[in-house]
């Protein structure tokens, strides 16, 4: 959901709530209360629905990210198996050099 659509969605929910409050203050007691109840309820239902939509979309993005990592790991394992089948050894990183300790020769062990 883009930033613009979030602003429009939550803004329209807030607008419904404000319109309901204005209707309660402006119109006669019976009609104003009924309009306020309907408009405020719709605004709050819309806001809660949009929150649930955002949670669902974030879970979908996280699931897609995990699946991409899983696919990459599966592809790497397949490449490793193929190299082993062909008898190629994987490139090893260079061994770290052992440091000297105060002018003494290196200890190998």
PDB file of N, CA and C in Angstrom:
ATOM      1  N   UNK A   1       0.853  -1.160   0.000  1.00  0.00           N
ATOM      2  CA  UNK A   1       0.000   0.000   0.000  1.00  0.00           C
ATOM      3  C   UNK A   1       0.905   1.230   0.000  1.00  0.00           C
ATOM      4  N   UNK A   2       0.674   2.117  -0.909  1.00  0.00           N
ATOM      5  CA  UNK A   2       1.540   3.288  -1.025  1.00  0.00           C
ATOM      6  C   UNK A   2       1.217   4.311   0.066  1.00  0.00           C
ATOM      7  N   UNK A   3       2.137   5.221   0.241  1.00  0.00           N
ATOM      8  CA  UNK A   3       1.968   6.257   1.261  1.00  0.00           C
ATOM      9  C   UNK A   3       0.727   7.104   0.954  1.00  0.00           C
ATOM     10  N   UNK A   4       0.533   7.389  -0.304  1.00  0.00           N
ATOM     11  CA  UNK A   4      -0.617   8.214  -0.702  1.00  0.00           C
ATOM     12  C   UNK A   4      -1.938   7.506  -0.383  1.00  0.00           C
ATOM     13  N   UNK A   5      -2.026   6.209  -0.691  1.00  0.00           N
ATOM     14  CA  UNK A   5      -3.277   5.491  -0.428  1.00  0.00           C
ATOM     15  C   UNK A   5      -3.525   5.344   1.075  1.00  0.00           C
ATOM     16  N   UNK A   6      -2.440   5.239   1.871  1.00  0.00           N
ATOM     17  CA  UNK A   6      -2.618   5.219   3.330  1.00  0.00           C
ATOM     18  C   UNK A   6      -3.204   6.533   3.815  1.00  0.00           C
ATOM     19  N   UNK A   7      -2.656   7.628   3.312  1.00  0.00           N
ATOM     20  CA  UNK A   7      -3.141   8.947   3.737  1.00  0.00           C
ATOM     21  C   UNK A   7      -4.602   9.119   3.346  1.00  0.00           C
ATOM     22  N   UNK A   8      -4.945   8.711   2.145  1.00  0.00           N
ATOM     23  CA  UNK A   8      -6.335   8.835   1.690  1.00  0.00           C
ATOM     24  C   UNK A   8      -7.256   7.954   2.523  1.00  0.00           C
ATOM     25  N   UNK A   9      -6.837   6.719   2.779  1.00  0.00           N
ATOM     26  CA  UNK A   9      -7.684   5.796   3.536  1.00  0.00           C
ATOM     27  C   UNK A   9      -7.918   6.245   4.966  1.00  0.00           C
ATOM     28  N   UNK A  10      -6.831   6.521   5.682  1.00  0.00           N
ATOM     29  CA  UNK A  10      -6.990   6.945   7.072  1.00  0.00           C
ATOM     30  C   UNK A  10      -7.596   8.344   7.167  1.00  0.00           C
ATOM     31  N   UNK A  11      -7.315   9.184   6.179  1.00  0.00           N
ATOM     32  CA  UNK A  11      -7.918  10.512   6.168  1.00  0.00           C
ATOM     33  C   UNK A  11      -9.425  10.459   5.970  1.00  0.00           C
ATOM     34  N   UNK A  12      -9.878   9.568   5.102  1.00  0.00           N
ATOM     35  CA  UNK A  12     -11.334   9.450   4.901  1.00  0.00           C
ATOM     36  C   UNK A  12     -12.002   8.868   6.141  1.00  0.00           C
ATOM     37  N   UNK A  13     -11.311   7.973   6.855  1.00  0.00           N
ATOM     38  CA  UNK A  13     -11.870   7.446   8.100  1.00  0.00           C
ATOM     39  C   UNK A  13     -12.004   8.572   9.129  1.00  0.00           C
ATOM     40  N   UNK A  14     -10.973   9.395   9.241  1.00  0.00           N
ATOM     41  CA  UNK A  14     -11.029  10.523  10.177  1.00  0.00           C
ATOM     42  C   UNK A  14     -12.095  11.528   9.761  1.00  0.00           C
ATOM     43  N   UNK A  15     -12.236  11.735   8.455  1.00  0.00           N
ATOM     44  CA  UNK A  15     -13.248  12.661   7.953  1.00  0.00           C
ATOM     45  C   UNK A  15     -14.657  12.177   8.310  1.00  0.00           C
ATOM     46  N   UNK A  16     -14.883  10.875   8.213  1.00  0.00           N
ATOM     47  CA  UNK A  16     -16.196  10.334   8.596  1.00  0.00           C
ATOM     48  C   UNK A  16     -16.487  10.567  10.078  1.00  0.00           C
ATOM     49  N   UNK A  17     -15.476  10.365  10.915  1.00  0.00           N
ATOM     50  CA  UNK A  17     -15.665  10.576  12.355  1.00  0.00           C
ATOM     51  C   UNK A  17     -15.965  12.047  12.640  1.00  0.00           C
ATOM     52  N   UNK A  18     -15.218  12.939  12.018  1.00  0.00           N
ATOM     53  CA  UNK A  18     -15.448  14.377  12.229  1.00  0.00           C
ATOM     54  C   UNK A  18     -16.816  14.789  11.685  1.00  0.00           C
ATOM     55  N   UNK A  19     -17.184  14.258  10.527  1.00  0.00           N
ATOM     56  CA  UNK A  19     -18.506  14.575   9.964  1.00  0.00           C
ATOM     57  C   UNK A  19     -19.614  14.097  10.897  1.00  0.00           C
ATOM     58  N   UNK A  20     -19.427  12.941  11.502  1.00  0.00           N
ATOM     59  CA  UNK A  20     -20.432  12.458  12.455  1.00  0.00           C
ATOM     60  C   UNK A  20     -20.542  13.359  13.663  1.00  0.00           C
ATOM     61  N   UNK A  21     -19.416  13.850  14.171  1.00  0.00           N
ATOM     62  CA  UNK A  21     -19.448  14.757  15.319  1.00  0.00           C
ATOM     63  C   UNK A  21     -20.127  16.077  14.949  1.00  0.00           C
ATOM     64  N   UNK A  22     -19.853  16.564  13.749  1.00  0.00           N
ATOM     65  CA  UNK A  22     -20.482  17.812  13.295  1.00  0.00           C
ATOM     66  C   UNK A  22     -21.992  17.615  13.138  1.00  0.00           C
ATOM     67  N   UNK A  23     -22.387  16.482  12.584  1.00  0.00           N
ATOM     68  CA  UNK A  23     -23.827  16.214  12.418  1.00  0.00           C
ATOM     69  C   UNK A  23     -24.534  16.157  13.763  1.00  0.00           C
ATOM     70  N   UNK A  24     -23.863  15.591  14.755  1.00  0.00           N
ATOM     71  CA  UNK A  24     -24.471  15.528  16.091  1.00  0.00           C
ATOM     72  C   UNK A  24     -24.677  16.928  16.652  1.00  0.00           C
ATOM     73  N   UNK A  25     -23.772  17.848  16.355  1.00  0.00           N
ATOM     74  CA  UNK A  25     -23.884  19.198  16.898  1.00  0.00           C
ATOM     75  C   UNK A  25     -24.847  20.080  16.100  1.00  0.00           C
ATOM     76  N   UNK A  26     -24.950  19.840  14.785  1.00  0.00           N
ATOM     77  CA  UNK A  26     -25.705  20.750  13.934  1.00  0.00           C
ATOM     78  C   UNK A  26     -27.179  20.372  13.812  1.00  0.00           C
ATOM     79  N   UNK A  27     -27.473  19.112  13.566  1.00  0.00           N
ATOM     80  CA  UNK A  27     -28.855  18.709  13.285  1.00  0.00           C
ATOM     81  C   UNK A  27     -29.654  18.492  14.566  1.00  0.00           C
ATOM     82  N   UNK A  28     -30.975  18.301  14.348  1.00  0.00           N
ATOM     83  CA  UNK A  28     -31.882  18.094  15.478  1.00  0.00           C
ATOM     84  C   UNK A  28     -31.448  16.852  16.268  1.00  0.00           C
ATOM     85  N   UNK A  29     -31.836  16.753  17.535  1.00  0.00           N
ATOM     86  CA  UNK A  29     -31.358  15.672  18.406  1.00  0.00           C
ATOM     87  C   UNK A  29     -31.565  14.264  17.841  1.00  0.00           C
ATOM     88  N   UNK A  30     -32.683  13.968  17.278  1.00  0.00           N
ATOM     89  CA  UNK A  30     -32.939  12.623  16.765  1.00  0.00           C
ATOM     90  C   UNK A  30     -32.105  12.313  15.521  1.00  0.00           C
ATOM     91  N   UNK A  31     -32.205  13.196  14.528  1.00  0.00           N
ATOM     92  CA  UNK A  31     -31.479  12.998  13.273  1.00  0.00           C
ATOM     93  C   UNK A  31     -29.973  13.144  13.487  1.00  0.00           C
ATOM     94  N   UNK A  32     -29.539  14.113  14.250  1.00  0.00           N
ATOM     95  CA  UNK A  32     -28.121  14.341  14.503  1.00  0.00           C
ATOM     96  C   UNK A  32     -27.469  13.156  15.195  1.00  0.00           C
ATOM     97  N   UNK A  33     -28.149  12.594  16.184  1.00  0.00           N
ATOM     98  CA  UNK A  33     -27.609  11.438  16.896  1.00  0.00           C
ATOM     99  C   UNK A  33     -27.505  10.222  15.984  1.00  0.00           C
ATOM    100  N   UNK A  34     -28.548  10.032  15.165  1.00  0.00           N
ATOM    101  CA  UNK A  34     -28.519   8.891  14.245  1.00  0.00           C
ATOM    102  C   UNK A  34     -27.403   9.026  13.214  1.00  0.00           C
ATOM    103  N   UNK A  35     -27.282  10.200  12.594  1.00  0.00           N
ATOM    104  CA  UNK A  35     -26.204  10.432  11.636  1.00  0.00           C
ATOM    105  C   UNK A  35     -24.831  10.300  12.299  1.00  0.00           C
ATOM    106  N   UNK A  36     -24.704  10.831  13.502  1.00  0.00           N
ATOM    107  CA  UNK A  36     -23.427  10.737  14.217  1.00  0.00           C
ATOM    108  C   UNK A  36     -23.072   9.284  14.479  1.00  0.00           C
ATOM    109  N   UNK A  37     -24.038   8.507  14.928  1.00  0.00           N
ATOM    110  CA  UNK A  37     -23.787   7.091  15.214  1.00  0.00           C
ATOM    111  C   UNK A  37     -23.326   6.361  13.957  1.00  0.00           C
ATOM    112  N   UNK A  38     -24.021   6.587  12.861  1.00  0.00           N
ATOM    113  CA  UNK A  38     -23.686   5.891  11.613  1.00  0.00           C
ATOM    114  C   UNK A  38     -22.319   6.336  11.083  1.00  0.00           C
ATOM    115  N   UNK A  39     -22.088   7.642  10.991  1.00  0.00           N
ATOM    116  CA  UNK A  39     -20.844   8.148  10.405  1.00  0.00           C
ATOM    117  C   UNK A  39     -19.621   7.828  11.268  1.00  0.00           C
ATOM    118  N   UNK A  40     -19.738   8.009  12.560  1.00  0.00           N
ATOM    119  CA  UNK A  40     -18.615   7.697  13.447  1.00  0.00           C
ATOM    120  C   UNK A  40     -18.328   6.200  13.434  1.00  0.00           C
ATOM    121  N   UNK A  41     -19.376   5.387  13.444  1.00  0.00           N
ATOM    122  CA  UNK A  41     -19.170   3.932  13.391  1.00  0.00           C
ATOM    123  C   UNK A  41     -18.477   3.514  12.093  1.00  0.00           C
ATOM    124  N   UNK A  42     -18.944   4.068  10.966  1.00  0.00           N
ATOM    125  CA  UNK A  42     -18.294   3.746   9.691  1.00  0.00           C
ATOM    126  C   UNK A  42     -16.832   4.189   9.667  1.00  0.00           C
ATOM    127  N   UNK A  43     -16.547   5.361  10.200  1.00  0.00           N
ATOM    128  CA  UNK A  43     -15.176   5.855  10.242  1.00  0.00           C
ATOM    129  C   UNK A  43     -14.276   4.962  11.088  1.00  0.00           C
ATOM    130  N   UNK A  44     -14.757   4.553  12.243  1.00  0.00           N
ATOM    131  CA  UNK A  44     -13.948   3.686  13.110  1.00  0.00           C
ATOM    132  C   UNK A  44     -13.778   2.289  12.511  1.00  0.00           C
ATOM    133  N   UNK A  45     -14.825   1.774  11.891  1.00  0.00           N
ATOM    134  CA  UNK A  45     -14.712   0.462  11.240  1.00  0.00           C
ATOM    135  C   UNK A  45     -13.704   0.530  10.088  1.00  0.00           C
ATOM    136  N   UNK A  46     -13.737   1.608   9.327  1.00  0.00           N
ATOM    137  CA  UNK A  46     -12.779   1.780   8.237  1.00  0.00           C
ATOM    138  C   UNK A  46     -11.350   1.863   8.768  1.00  0.00           C
ATOM    139  N   UNK A  47     -11.151   2.600   9.844  1.00  0.00           N
ATOM    140  CA  UNK A  47      -9.806   2.733  10.418  1.00  0.00           C
ATOM    141  C   UNK A  47      -9.278   1.387  10.907  1.00  0.00           C
ATOM    142  N   UNK A  48     -10.098   0.627  11.612  1.00  0.00           N
ATOM    143  CA  UNK A  48      -9.668  -0.682  12.112  1.00  0.00           C
ATOM    144  C   UNK A  48      -9.405  -1.633  10.947  1.00  0.00           C
ATOM    145  N   UNK A  49     -10.230  -1.585   9.925  1.00  0.00           N
ATOM    146  CA  UNK A  49     -10.022  -2.439   8.748  1.00  0.00           C
ATOM    147  C   UNK A  49      -8.701  -2.116   8.056  1.00  0.00           C
ATOM    148  N   UNK A  50      -8.389  -0.833   7.956  1.00  0.00           N
ATOM    149  CA  UNK A  50      -7.121  -0.439   7.343  1.00  0.00           C
ATOM    150  C   UNK A  50      -5.919  -0.879   8.178  1.00  0.00           C
ATOM    151  N   UNK A  51      -6.050  -0.855   9.491  1.00  0.00           N
ATOM    152  CA  UNK A  51      -4.965  -1.342  10.358  1.00  0.00           C
ATOM    153  C   UNK A  51      -4.747  -2.829  10.117  1.00  0.00           C
ATOM    154  N   UNK A  52      -5.817  -3.600  10.069  1.00  0.00           N
ATOM    155  CA  UNK A  52      -5.687  -5.033   9.802  1.00  0.00           C
ATOM    156  C   UNK A  52      -5.097  -5.291   8.415  1.00  0.00           C
ATOM    157  N   UNK A  53      -5.467  -4.476   7.441  1.00  0.00           N
ATOM    158  CA  UNK A  53      -4.889  -4.609   6.102  1.00  0.00           C
ATOM    159  C   UNK A  53      -3.382  -4.363   6.136  1.00  0.00           C
ATOM    160  N   UNK A  54      -2.960  -3.336   6.849  1.00  0.00           N
ATOM    161  CA  UNK A  54      -1.526  -3.037   6.966  1.00  0.00           C
ATOM    162  C   UNK A  54      -0.772  -4.191   7.627  1.00  0.00           C
ATOM    163  N   UNK A  55      -1.345  -4.768   8.666  1.00  0.00           N
ATOM    164  CA  UNK A  55      -0.698  -5.901   9.338  1.00  0.00           C
ATOM    165  C   UNK A  55      -0.575  -7.079   8.372  1.00  0.00           C
ATOM    166  N   UNK A  56      -1.627  -7.368   7.644  1.00  0.00           N
ATOM    167  CA  UNK A  56      -1.598  -8.469   6.685  1.00  0.00           C
ATOM    168  C   UNK A  56      -0.581  -8.246   5.580  1.00  0.00           C
ATOM    169  N   UNK A  57      -0.507  -7.025   5.069  1.00  0.00           N
ATOM    170  CA  UNK A  57       0.461  -6.726   4.015  1.00  0.00           C
ATOM    171  C   UNK A  57       1.895  -6.833   4.523  1.00  0.00           C
ATOM    172  N   UNK A  58       2.141  -6.398   5.758  1.00  0.00           N
ATOM    173  CA  UNK A  58       3.498  -6.507   6.295  1.00  0.00           C
ATOM    174  C   UNK A  58       3.872  -7.965   6.501  1.00  0.00           C
ATOM    175  N   UNK A  59       2.915  -8.809   6.903  1.00  0.00           N
ATOM    176  CA  UNK A  59       3.196 -10.236   7.034  1.00  0.00           C
ATOM    177  C   UNK A  59       3.478 -10.864   5.671  1.00  0.00           C
ATOM    178  N   UNK A  60       2.765 -10.437   4.649  1.00  0.00           N
ATOM    179  CA  UNK A  60       3.025 -10.952   3.296  1.00  0.00           C
ATOM    180  C   UNK A  60       4.425 -10.562   2.816  1.00  0.00           C
ATOM    181  N   UNK A  61       4.822  -9.319   3.072  1.00  0.00           N
ATOM    182  CA  UNK A  61       6.171  -8.891   2.692  1.00  0.00           C
ATOM    183  C   UNK A  61       7.228  -9.702   3.433  1.00  0.00           C
ATOM    184  N   UNK A  62       7.030  -9.941   4.714  1.00  0.00           N
ATOM    185  CA  UNK A  62       7.990 -10.728   5.499  1.00  0.00           C
ATOM    186  C   UNK A  62       8.063 -12.161   4.976  1.00  0.00           C
ATOM    187  N   UNK A  63       6.915 -12.742   4.653  1.00  0.00           N
ATOM    188  CA  UNK A  63       6.896 -14.103   4.118  1.00  0.00           C
ATOM    189  C   UNK A  63       7.611 -14.180   2.770  1.00  0.00           C
ATOM    190  N   UNK A  64       7.423 -13.186   1.931  1.00  0.00           N
ATOM    191  CA  UNK A  64       8.107 -13.159   0.630  1.00  0.00           C
ATOM    192  C   UNK A  64       9.616 -13.006   0.820  1.00  0.00           C
ATOM    193  N   UNK A  65      10.019 -12.184   1.793  1.00  0.00           N
ATOM    194  CA  UNK A  65      11.447 -12.011   2.073  1.00  0.00           C
ATOM    195  C   UNK A  65      12.062 -13.327   2.557  1.00  0.00           C
ATOM    196  N   UNK A  66      11.369 -14.022   3.456  1.00  0.00           N
ATOM    197  CA  UNK A  66      11.872 -15.310   3.949  1.00  0.00           C
ATOM    198  C   UNK A  66      11.934 -16.340   2.830  1.00  0.00           C
ATOM    199  N   UNK A  67      10.949 -16.338   1.952  1.00  0.00           N
ATOM    200  CA  UNK A  67      10.941 -17.287   0.844  1.00  0.00           C
ATOM    201  C   UNK A  67      12.097 -17.008  -0.111  1.00  0.00           C
ATOM    202  N   UNK A  68      12.397 -15.732  -0.343  1.00  0.00           N
ATOM    203  CA  UNK A  68      13.529 -15.399  -1.220  1.00  0.00           C
ATOM    204  C   UNK A  68      14.843 -15.871  -0.613  1.00  0.00           C
ATOM    205  N   UNK A  69      14.998 -15.715   0.692  1.00  0.00           N
ATOM    206  CA  UNK A  69      16.208 -16.189   1.361  1.00  0.00           C
ATOM    207  C   UNK A  69      16.285 -17.703   1.275  1.00  0.00           C
ATOM    208  N   UNK A  70      15.154 -18.355   1.459  1.00  0.00           N
ATOM    209  CA  UNK A  70      15.108 -19.820   1.393  1.00  0.00           C
ATOM    210  C   UNK A  70      15.451 -20.307  -0.020  1.00  0.00           C
ATOM    211  N   UNK A  71      14.917 -19.629  -1.032  1.00  0.00           N
ATOM    212  CA  UNK A  71      15.211 -19.997  -2.416  1.00  0.00           C
ATOM    213  C   UNK A  71      16.698 -19.810  -2.719  1.00  0.00           C
ATOM    214  N   UNK A  72      17.267 -18.735  -2.212  1.00  0.00           N
ATOM    215  CA  UNK A  72      18.695 -18.477  -2.432  1.00  0.00           C
ATOM    216  C   UNK A  72      19.535 -19.568  -1.769  1.00  0.00           C
ATOM    217  N   UNK A  73      19.161 -19.960  -0.566  1.00  0.00           N
ATOM    218  CA  UNK A  73      19.904 -21.018   0.126  1.00  0.00           C
ATOM    219  C   UNK A  73      19.759 -22.346  -0.614  1.00  0.00           C
ATOM    220  N   UNK A  74      18.575 -22.609  -1.132  1.00  0.00           N
ATOM    221  CA  UNK A  74      18.356 -23.854  -1.870  1.00  0.00           C
ATOM    222  C   UNK A  74      19.178 -23.848  -3.164  1.00  0.00           C
ATOM    223  N   UNK A  75      19.259 -22.707  -3.826  1.00  0.00           N
ATOM    224  CA  UNK A  75      20.058 -22.594  -5.041  1.00  0.00           C
ATOM    225  C   UNK A  75      21.541 -22.773  -4.752  1.00  0.00           C
ATOM    226  N   UNK A  76      22.001 -22.211  -3.642  1.00  0.00           N
ATOM    227  CA  UNK A  76      23.409 -22.366  -3.250  1.00  0.00           C
ATOM    228  C   UNK A  76      23.716 -23.825  -2.945  1.00  0.00           C
ATOM    229  N   UNK A  77      22.812 -24.516  -2.276  1.00  0.00           N
ATOM    230  CA  UNK A  77      23.024 -25.935  -1.975  1.00  0.00           C
ATOM    231  C   UNK A  77      23.067 -26.750  -3.272  1.00  0.00           C
ATOM    232  N   UNK A  78      22.232 -26.404  -4.238  1.00  0.00           N
ATOM    233  CA  UNK A  78      22.231 -27.117  -5.520  1.00  0.00           C
ATOM    234  C   UNK A  78      23.548 -26.890  -6.256  1.00  0.00           C
ATOM    235  N   UNK A  79      24.045 -25.648  -6.225  1.00  0.00           N
ATOM    236  CA  UNK A  79      25.338 -25.370  -6.876  1.00  0.00           C
ATOM    237  C   UNK A  79      26.466 -26.130  -6.187  1.00  0.00           C
ATOM    238  N   UNK A  80      26.411 -26.222  -4.861  1.00  0.00           N
ATOM    239  CA  UNK A  80      27.437 -26.957  -4.129  1.00  0.00           C
ATOM    240  C   UNK A  80      27.395 -28.441  -4.484  1.00  0.00           C
ATOM    241  N   UNK A  81      26.205 -29.016  -4.586  1.00  0.00           N
ATOM    242  CA  UNK A  81      26.073 -30.433  -4.964  1.00  0.00           C
ATOM    243  C   UNK A  81      26.585 -30.671  -6.375  1.00  0.00           C
ATOM    244  N   UNK A  82      26.289 -29.724  -7.271  1.00  0.00           N
ATOM    245  CA  UNK A  82      26.746 -29.856  -8.656  1.00  0.00           C
ATOM    246  C   UNK A  82      28.271 -29.813  -8.729  1.00  0.00           C
ATOM    247  N   UNK A  83      28.886 -28.913  -7.972  1.00  0.00           N
ATOM    248  CA  UNK A  83      30.353 -28.854  -7.937  1.00  0.00           C
ATOM    249  C   UNK A  83      30.938 -30.143  -7.384  1.00  0.00           C
ATOM    250  N   UNK A  84      30.311 -30.685  -6.348  1.00  0.00           N
ATOM    251  CA  UNK A  84      30.809 -31.932  -5.761  1.00  0.00           C
ATOM    252  C   UNK A  84      30.657 -33.077  -6.760  1.00  0.00           C
ATOM    253  N   UNK A  85      29.566 -33.074  -7.512  1.00  0.00           N
ATOM    254  CA  UNK A  85      29.346 -34.125  -8.492  1.00  0.00           C
ATOM    255  C   UNK A  85      30.381 -34.052  -9.607  1.00  0.00           C
ATOM    256  N   UNK A  86      30.757 -32.847  -9.978  1.00  0.00           N
ATOM    257  CA  UNK A  86      31.739 -32.673 -11.045  1.00  0.00           C
ATOM    258  C   UNK A  86      33.173 -32.803 -10.542  1.00  0.00           C
ATOM    259  N   UNK A  87      33.338 -32.924  -9.246  1.00  0.00           N
ATOM    260  CA  UNK A  87      34.668 -33.098  -8.679  1.00  0.00           C
ATOM    261  C   UNK A  87      35.398 -31.795  -8.456  1.00  0.00           C
ATOM    262  N   UNK A  88      34.720 -30.700  -8.519  1.00  0.00           N
ATOM    263  CA  UNK A  88      35.347 -29.407  -8.279  1.00  0.00           C
ATOM    264  C   UNK A  88      35.301 -29.102  -6.787  1.00  0.00           C
ATOM    265  N   UNK A  89      36.335 -28.516  -6.276  1.00  0.00           N
ATOM    266  CA  UNK A  89      36.331 -28.124  -4.875  1.00  0.00           C
ATOM    267  C   UNK A  89      35.927 -26.658  -4.790  1.00  0.00           C
ATOM    268  N   UNK A  90      35.179 -26.311  -3.768  1.00  0.00           N
ATOM    269  CA  UNK A  90      34.791 -24.897  -3.636  1.00  0.00           C
ATOM    270  C   UNK A  90      35.997 -24.044  -3.285  1.00  0.00           C
ATOM    271  N   UNK A  91      35.963 -22.820  -3.718  1.00  0.00           N
ATOM    272  CA  UNK A  91      37.058 -21.899  -3.411  1.00  0.00           C
ATOM    273  C   UNK A  91      37.065 -21.626  -1.917  1.00  0.00           C
ATOM    274  N   UNK A  92      38.239 -21.786  -1.296  1.00  0.00           N
ATOM    275  CA  UNK A  92      38.349 -21.565   0.143  1.00  0.00           C
ATOM    276  C   UNK A  92      38.909 -20.166   0.392  1.00  0.00           C
ATOM    277  N   UNK A  93      38.455 -19.569   1.466  1.00  0.00           N
ATOM    278  CA  UNK A  93      39.030 -18.263   1.803  1.00  0.00           C
ATOM    279  C   UNK A  93      40.465 -18.449   2.296  1.00  0.00           C
ATOM    280  N   UNK A  94      41.277 -17.441   2.133  1.00  0.00           N
ATOM    281  CA  UNK A  94      42.670 -17.512   2.563  1.00  0.00           C
ATOM    282  C   UNK A  94      42.735 -17.679   4.080  1.00  0.00           C
ATOM    283  N   UNK A  95      43.709 -18.500   4.534  1.00  0.00           N
ATOM    284  CA  UNK A  95      43.868 -18.713   5.965  1.00  0.00           C
ATOM    285  C   UNK A  95      44.381 -17.441   6.612  1.00  0.00           C
ATOM    286  N   UNK A  96      43.896 -17.140   7.786  1.00  0.00           N
ATOM    287  CA  UNK A  96      44.389 -15.946   8.461  1.00  0.00           C
ATOM    288  C   UNK A  96      45.831 -16.146   8.916  1.00  0.00           C
ATOM    289  N   UNK A  97      46.611 -15.126   8.828  1.00  0.00           N
ATOM    290  CA  UNK A  97      48.004 -15.196   9.240  1.00  0.00           C
ATOM    291  C   UNK A  97      48.067 -15.117  10.762  1.00  0.00           C
ATOM    292  N   UNK A  98      48.942 -15.962  11.341  1.00  0.00           N
ATOM    293  CA  UNK A  98      49.123 -15.922  12.779  1.00  0.00           C
ATOM    294  C   UNK A  98      50.051 -14.766  13.125  1.00  0.00           C
ATOM    295  N   UNK A  99      49.688 -14.040  14.146  1.00  0.00           N
ATOM    296  CA  UNK A  99      50.497 -12.893  14.511  1.00  0.00           C
ATOM    297  C   UNK A  99      51.640 -13.309  15.412  1.00  0.00           C
ATOM    298  N   UNK A 100      52.706 -12.562  15.365  1.00  0.00           N
ATOM    299  CA  UNK A 100      53.847 -12.816  16.242  1.00  0.00           C
ATOM    300  C   UNK A 100      53.536 -12.196  17.597  1.00  0.00           C
ATOM    301  N   UNK A 101      54.130 -12.793  18.597  1.00  0.00           N
ATOM    302  CA  UNK A 101      53.897 -12.317  19.944  1.00  0.00           C
ATOM    303  C   UNK A 101      55.196 -11.739  20.497  1.00  0.00           C
ATOM    304  N   UNK A 102      55.323 -10.436  20.491  1.00  0.00           N
ATOM    305  CA  UNK A 102      56.470  -9.702  21.025  1.00  0.00           C
ATOM    306  C   UNK A 102      57.810 -10.225  20.521  1.00  0.00           C
ATOM    307  N   UNK A 103      57.959 -10.335  19.229  1.00  0.00           N
ATOM    308  CA  UNK A 103      59.207 -10.726  18.633  1.00  0.00           C
ATOM    309  C   UNK A 103      59.486 -12.210  18.635  1.00  0.00           C
ATOM    310  N   UNK A 104      58.601 -13.009  19.148  1.00  0.00           N
ATOM    311  CA  UNK A 104      58.813 -14.455  19.164  1.00  0.00           C
ATOM    312  C   UNK A 104      58.299 -15.052  17.861  1.00  0.00           C
ATOM    313  N   UNK A 105      58.819 -16.232  17.485  1.00  0.00           N
ATOM    314  CA  UNK A 105      58.332 -16.868  16.259  1.00  0.00           C
ATOM    315  C   UNK A 105      56.877 -17.285  16.396  1.00  0.00           C
ATOM    316  N   UNK A 106      56.250 -17.496  15.282  1.00  0.00           N
ATOM    317  CA  UNK A 106      54.850 -17.918  15.275  1.00  0.00           C
ATOM    318  C   UNK A 106      54.687 -19.292  15.889  1.00  0.00           C
ATOM    319  N   UNK A 107      53.591 -19.443  16.591  1.00  0.00           N
ATOM    320  CA  UNK A 107      53.255 -20.760  17.128  1.00  0.00           C
ATOM    321  C   UNK A 107      52.217 -21.377  16.220  1.00  0.00           C
ATOM    322  N   UNK A 108      52.435 -22.575  15.779  1.00  0.00           N
ATOM    323  CA  UNK A 108      51.515 -23.242  14.864  1.00  0.00           C
ATOM    324  C   UNK A 108      50.774 -24.326  15.628  1.00  0.00           C
ATOM    325  N   UNK A 109      49.848 -24.009  16.372  1.00  0.00           N
ATOM    326  CA  UNK A 109      49.159 -25.094  17.036  1.00  0.00           C
ATOM    327  C   UNK A 109      48.315 -24.678  18.094  1.00  0.00           C
TER     328      UNK A 109
END
